[in-house]
Amino acid sequence: MHTWPVQDAKARFSELLDACTVEGAQLITRRGEETAVLIPIAEWRRLVETARPSLKALLLSDVGRVDFDLPKRGAHRRRPPST
């Protein structure tokens, strides 16, 4: 992965973009500290797709998504039948 100082990335953005599409991810630094990464759109779409579970996976999972207490069955008294 090639590293670009932010001032070079700004000044040569088209070159940065071309390098990203040809070589892959490009790292951008600010004052020597890693700040951002420019990645090709195909890689971004792959990351987004794998990060989000499908509806089918959510419905079939055994992990609860809501915490609430259900009352115990038979804990409430029934009214006596009216005559």
N, C-alpha and C. Protein backbone atom coordinates (compact mmCIF):
# COMPACT_ATOMS: atom_id res chain seq x y z
N MET A 1 0.85 -1.16 0.00
CA MET A 1 0.00 0.00 0.00
C MET A 1 0.90 1.23 0.00
N HIS A 2 0.66 2.10 -0.94
CA HIS A 2 1.44 3.33 -1.07
C HIS A 2 0.94 4.36 -0.06
N THR A 3 1.84 5.13 0.51
CA THR A 3 1.49 6.16 1.48
C THR A 3 1.63 7.54 0.84
N TRP A 4 0.61 8.37 1.05
CA TRP A 4 0.59 9.72 0.49
C TRP A 4 0.44 10.73 1.63
N PRO A 5 1.34 11.71 1.72
CA PRO A 5 1.09 12.82 2.65
C PRO A 5 -0.14 13.60 2.14
N VAL A 6 -0.91 14.16 3.03
CA VAL A 6 -2.16 14.81 2.64
C VAL A 6 -1.94 15.91 1.62
N GLN A 7 -0.86 16.68 1.75
CA GLN A 7 -0.63 17.75 0.78
C GLN A 7 -0.37 17.19 -0.62
N ASP A 8 0.33 16.05 -0.74
CA ASP A 8 0.53 15.41 -2.04
C ASP A 8 -0.78 14.83 -2.57
N ALA A 9 -1.58 14.26 -1.68
CA ALA A 9 -2.86 13.68 -2.08
C ALA A 9 -3.77 14.77 -2.65
N LYS A 10 -3.77 15.94 -2.01
CA LYS A 10 -4.58 17.05 -2.50
C LYS A 10 -4.07 17.57 -3.83
N ALA A 11 -2.76 17.74 -3.93
CA ALA A 11 -2.17 18.33 -5.13
C ALA A 11 -2.24 17.39 -6.33
N ARG A 12 -2.18 16.08 -6.08
CA ARG A 12 -2.15 15.09 -7.18
C ARG A 12 -3.29 14.09 -7.03
N PHE A 13 -4.51 14.61 -6.81
CA PHE A 13 -5.64 13.74 -6.53
C PHE A 13 -5.93 12.77 -7.67
N SER A 14 -5.85 13.23 -8.91
CA SER A 14 -6.10 12.34 -10.06
C SER A 14 -5.11 11.18 -10.07
N GLU A 15 -3.86 11.47 -9.75
CA GLU A 15 -2.84 10.42 -9.68
C GLU A 15 -3.13 9.46 -8.53
N LEU A 16 -3.57 10.00 -7.41
CA LEU A 16 -3.96 9.17 -6.26
C LEU A 16 -5.11 8.25 -6.64
N LEU A 17 -6.10 8.80 -7.31
CA LEU A 17 -7.25 8.02 -7.74
C LEU A 17 -6.86 6.93 -8.73
N ASP A 18 -5.99 7.26 -9.68
CA ASP A 18 -5.51 6.25 -10.64
C ASP A 18 -4.74 5.14 -9.93
N ALA A 19 -3.89 5.52 -8.98
CA ALA A 19 -3.11 4.52 -8.22
C ALA A 19 -4.04 3.61 -7.45
N CYS A 20 -5.11 4.16 -6.93
CA CYS A 20 -6.08 3.36 -6.17
C CYS A 20 -6.75 2.32 -7.06
N THR A 21 -7.15 2.74 -8.25
CA THR A 21 -7.85 1.80 -9.14
C THR A 21 -6.90 0.74 -9.71
N VAL A 22 -5.62 1.08 -9.88
CA VAL A 22 -4.66 0.13 -10.47
C VAL A 22 -4.00 -0.73 -9.40
N GLU A 23 -3.50 -0.10 -8.34
CA GLU A 23 -2.70 -0.80 -7.33
C GLU A 23 -3.50 -1.25 -6.11
N GLY A 24 -4.65 -0.64 -5.86
CA GLY A 24 -5.44 -0.98 -4.68
C GLY A 24 -5.40 0.14 -3.66
N ALA A 25 -5.64 -0.19 -2.42
CA ALA A 25 -5.78 0.80 -1.35
C ALA A 25 -4.57 1.72 -1.24
N GLN A 26 -4.85 3.00 -0.95
CA GLN A 26 -3.81 4.02 -0.80
C GLN A 26 -3.98 4.68 0.57
N LEU A 27 -2.91 4.76 1.32
CA LEU A 27 -2.92 5.32 2.67
C LEU A 27 -2.58 6.80 2.62
N ILE A 28 -3.35 7.62 3.33
CA ILE A 28 -3.10 9.06 3.39
C ILE A 28 -2.71 9.41 4.82
N THR A 29 -1.62 10.19 4.94
CA THR A 29 -1.13 10.58 6.27
C THR A 29 -1.20 12.09 6.43
N ARG A 30 -1.37 12.51 7.68
CA ARG A 30 -1.34 13.92 8.03
C ARG A 30 -0.32 14.08 9.15
N ARG A 31 0.71 14.88 8.89
CA ARG A 31 1.80 15.09 9.85
C ARG A 31 2.42 13.76 10.29
N GLY A 32 2.53 12.83 9.34
CA GLY A 32 3.15 11.54 9.61
C GLY A 32 2.25 10.52 10.27
N GLU A 33 1.02 10.90 10.59
CA GLU A 33 0.08 9.98 11.26
C GLU A 33 -0.93 9.45 10.25
N GLU A 34 -1.15 8.14 10.24
CA GLU A 34 -2.12 7.52 9.32
C GLU A 34 -3.50 8.10 9.59
N THR A 35 -4.12 8.65 8.55
CA THR A 35 -5.38 9.36 8.73
C THR A 35 -6.54 8.73 7.97
N ALA A 36 -6.30 8.30 6.73
CA ALA A 36 -7.38 7.79 5.89
C ALA A 36 -6.84 6.79 4.89
N VAL A 37 -7.76 6.04 4.30
CA VAL A 37 -7.42 5.09 3.25
C VAL A 37 -8.41 5.28 2.10
N LEU A 38 -7.89 5.37 0.90
CA LEU A 38 -8.73 5.41 -0.30
C LEU A 38 -8.70 4.01 -0.90
N ILE A 39 -9.90 3.42 -1.06
CA ILE A 39 -9.98 2.06 -1.60
C ILE A 39 -10.85 2.04 -2.86
N PRO A 40 -10.63 1.08 -3.74
CA PRO A 40 -11.46 0.97 -4.95
C PRO A 40 -12.91 0.67 -4.58
N ILE A 41 -13.84 1.10 -5.42
CA ILE A 41 -15.27 0.94 -5.15
C ILE A 41 -15.66 -0.53 -5.01
N ALA A 42 -15.05 -1.42 -5.76
CA ALA A 42 -15.38 -2.84 -5.63
C ALA A 42 -15.04 -3.37 -4.24
N GLU A 43 -13.91 -2.93 -3.71
CA GLU A 43 -13.53 -3.33 -2.35
C GLU A 43 -14.50 -2.76 -1.33
N TRP A 44 -14.91 -1.52 -1.52
CA TRP A 44 -15.87 -0.88 -0.61
C TRP A 44 -17.19 -1.65 -0.60
N ARG A 45 -17.69 -1.98 -1.79
CA ARG A 45 -18.95 -2.72 -1.87
C ARG A 45 -18.84 -4.09 -1.22
N ARG A 46 -17.70 -4.75 -1.39
CA ARG A 46 -17.50 -6.05 -0.75
C ARG A 46 -17.52 -5.91 0.77
N LEU A 47 -16.85 -4.89 1.29
CA LEU A 47 -16.82 -4.67 2.74
C LEU A 47 -18.21 -4.36 3.29
N VAL A 48 -18.96 -3.53 2.58
CA VAL A 48 -20.31 -3.17 3.04
C VAL A 48 -21.20 -4.39 3.03
N GLU A 49 -21.12 -5.19 1.99
CA GLU A 49 -21.97 -6.38 1.88
C GLU A 49 -21.68 -7.39 2.97
N THR A 50 -20.41 -7.59 3.28
CA THR A 50 -20.07 -8.58 4.30
C THR A 50 -20.31 -8.07 5.71
N ALA A 51 -20.38 -6.77 5.89
CA ALA A 51 -20.59 -6.20 7.23
C ALA A 51 -22.05 -6.23 7.65
N ARG A 52 -22.96 -6.30 6.69
CA ARG A 52 -24.38 -6.22 7.00
C ARG A 52 -25.01 -7.61 6.86
N PRO A 53 -25.59 -8.14 7.94
CA PRO A 53 -26.23 -9.45 7.81
C PRO A 53 -27.50 -9.35 6.96
N SER A 54 -27.82 -10.41 6.26
CA SER A 54 -29.03 -10.41 5.45
C SER A 54 -30.26 -10.58 6.34
N LEU A 55 -31.42 -10.27 5.81
CA LEU A 55 -32.65 -10.44 6.56
C LEU A 55 -32.84 -11.90 6.95
N LYS A 56 -32.52 -12.79 6.04
CA LYS A 56 -32.63 -14.23 6.33
C LYS A 56 -31.75 -14.61 7.51
N ALA A 57 -30.51 -14.11 7.53
CA ALA A 57 -29.60 -14.42 8.63
C ALA A 57 -30.12 -13.86 9.95
N LEU A 58 -30.70 -12.66 9.92
CA LEU A 58 -31.26 -12.07 11.14
C LEU A 58 -32.44 -12.88 11.66
N LEU A 59 -33.32 -13.30 10.76
CA LEU A 59 -34.50 -14.05 11.19
C LEU A 59 -34.15 -15.44 11.69
N LEU A 60 -33.10 -16.03 11.15
CA LEU A 60 -32.72 -17.38 11.56
C LEU A 60 -31.76 -17.40 12.74
N SER A 61 -31.25 -16.26 13.15
CA SER A 61 -30.29 -16.24 14.24
C SER A 61 -30.99 -16.50 15.57
N ASP A 62 -30.25 -17.07 16.51
CA ASP A 62 -30.81 -17.35 17.83
C ASP A 62 -30.47 -16.24 18.83
N VAL A 63 -29.90 -15.17 18.36
CA VAL A 63 -29.53 -14.07 19.23
C VAL A 63 -30.72 -13.13 19.36
N GLY A 64 -31.11 -12.84 20.61
CA GLY A 64 -32.21 -11.91 20.82
C GLY A 64 -31.81 -10.49 20.51
N ARG A 65 -32.74 -9.75 19.95
CA ARG A 65 -32.44 -8.37 19.61
C ARG A 65 -33.15 -7.39 20.54
N VAL A 66 -34.04 -7.87 21.39
CA VAL A 66 -34.78 -7.03 22.32
C VAL A 66 -34.79 -7.72 23.68
N ASP A 67 -34.56 -6.96 24.72
CA ASP A 67 -34.63 -7.50 26.07
C ASP A 67 -35.90 -7.00 26.74
N PHE A 68 -36.82 -7.91 27.03
CA PHE A 68 -38.00 -7.57 27.81
C PHE A 68 -38.44 -8.82 28.54
N ASP A 69 -39.11 -8.61 29.66
CA ASP A 69 -39.55 -9.72 30.50
C ASP A 69 -40.99 -10.09 30.16
N LEU A 70 -41.19 -11.36 29.93
CA LEU A 70 -42.54 -11.86 29.72
C LEU A 70 -43.09 -12.33 31.05
N PRO A 71 -44.37 -12.08 31.34
CA PRO A 71 -44.94 -12.57 32.59
C PRO A 71 -45.00 -14.10 32.58
N LYS A 72 -44.87 -14.69 33.76
CA LYS A 72 -44.94 -16.15 33.85
C LYS A 72 -46.36 -16.60 33.54
N ARG A 73 -46.44 -17.72 32.86
CA ARG A 73 -47.75 -18.26 32.53
C ARG A 73 -48.42 -18.77 33.80
N GLY A 74 -49.71 -18.51 33.93
CA GLY A 74 -50.47 -18.99 35.07
C GLY A 74 -50.25 -18.17 36.33
N ALA A 75 -49.54 -17.08 36.27
CA ALA A 75 -49.26 -16.28 37.45
C ALA A 75 -50.45 -15.41 37.83
N HIS A 76 -51.31 -15.11 36.90
CA HIS A 76 -52.48 -14.26 37.16
C HIS A 76 -53.69 -15.13 37.45
N ARG A 77 -54.51 -14.69 38.39
CA ARG A 77 -55.73 -15.44 38.71
C ARG A 77 -56.82 -15.09 37.70
N ARG A 78 -57.58 -16.08 37.40
CA ARG A 78 -58.72 -15.85 36.52
C ARG A 78 -59.92 -15.43 37.34
N ARG A 79 -60.81 -14.68 36.73
CA ARG A 79 -62.05 -14.29 37.41
C ARG A 79 -62.97 -15.51 37.52
N PRO A 80 -63.67 -15.58 38.59
CA PRO A 80 -64.62 -16.69 38.69
C PRO A 80 -65.73 -16.52 37.65
N PRO A 81 -66.24 -17.64 37.13
CA PRO A 81 -67.29 -17.52 36.11
C PRO A 81 -68.54 -16.83 36.67
N SER A 82 -69.12 -16.00 35.87
CA SER A 82 -70.33 -15.31 36.33
C SER A 82 -71.54 -16.24 36.16
N THR A 83 -72.47 -16.13 37.08
CA THR A 83 -73.66 -17.00 37.03
C THR A 83 -74.90 -16.26 36.65
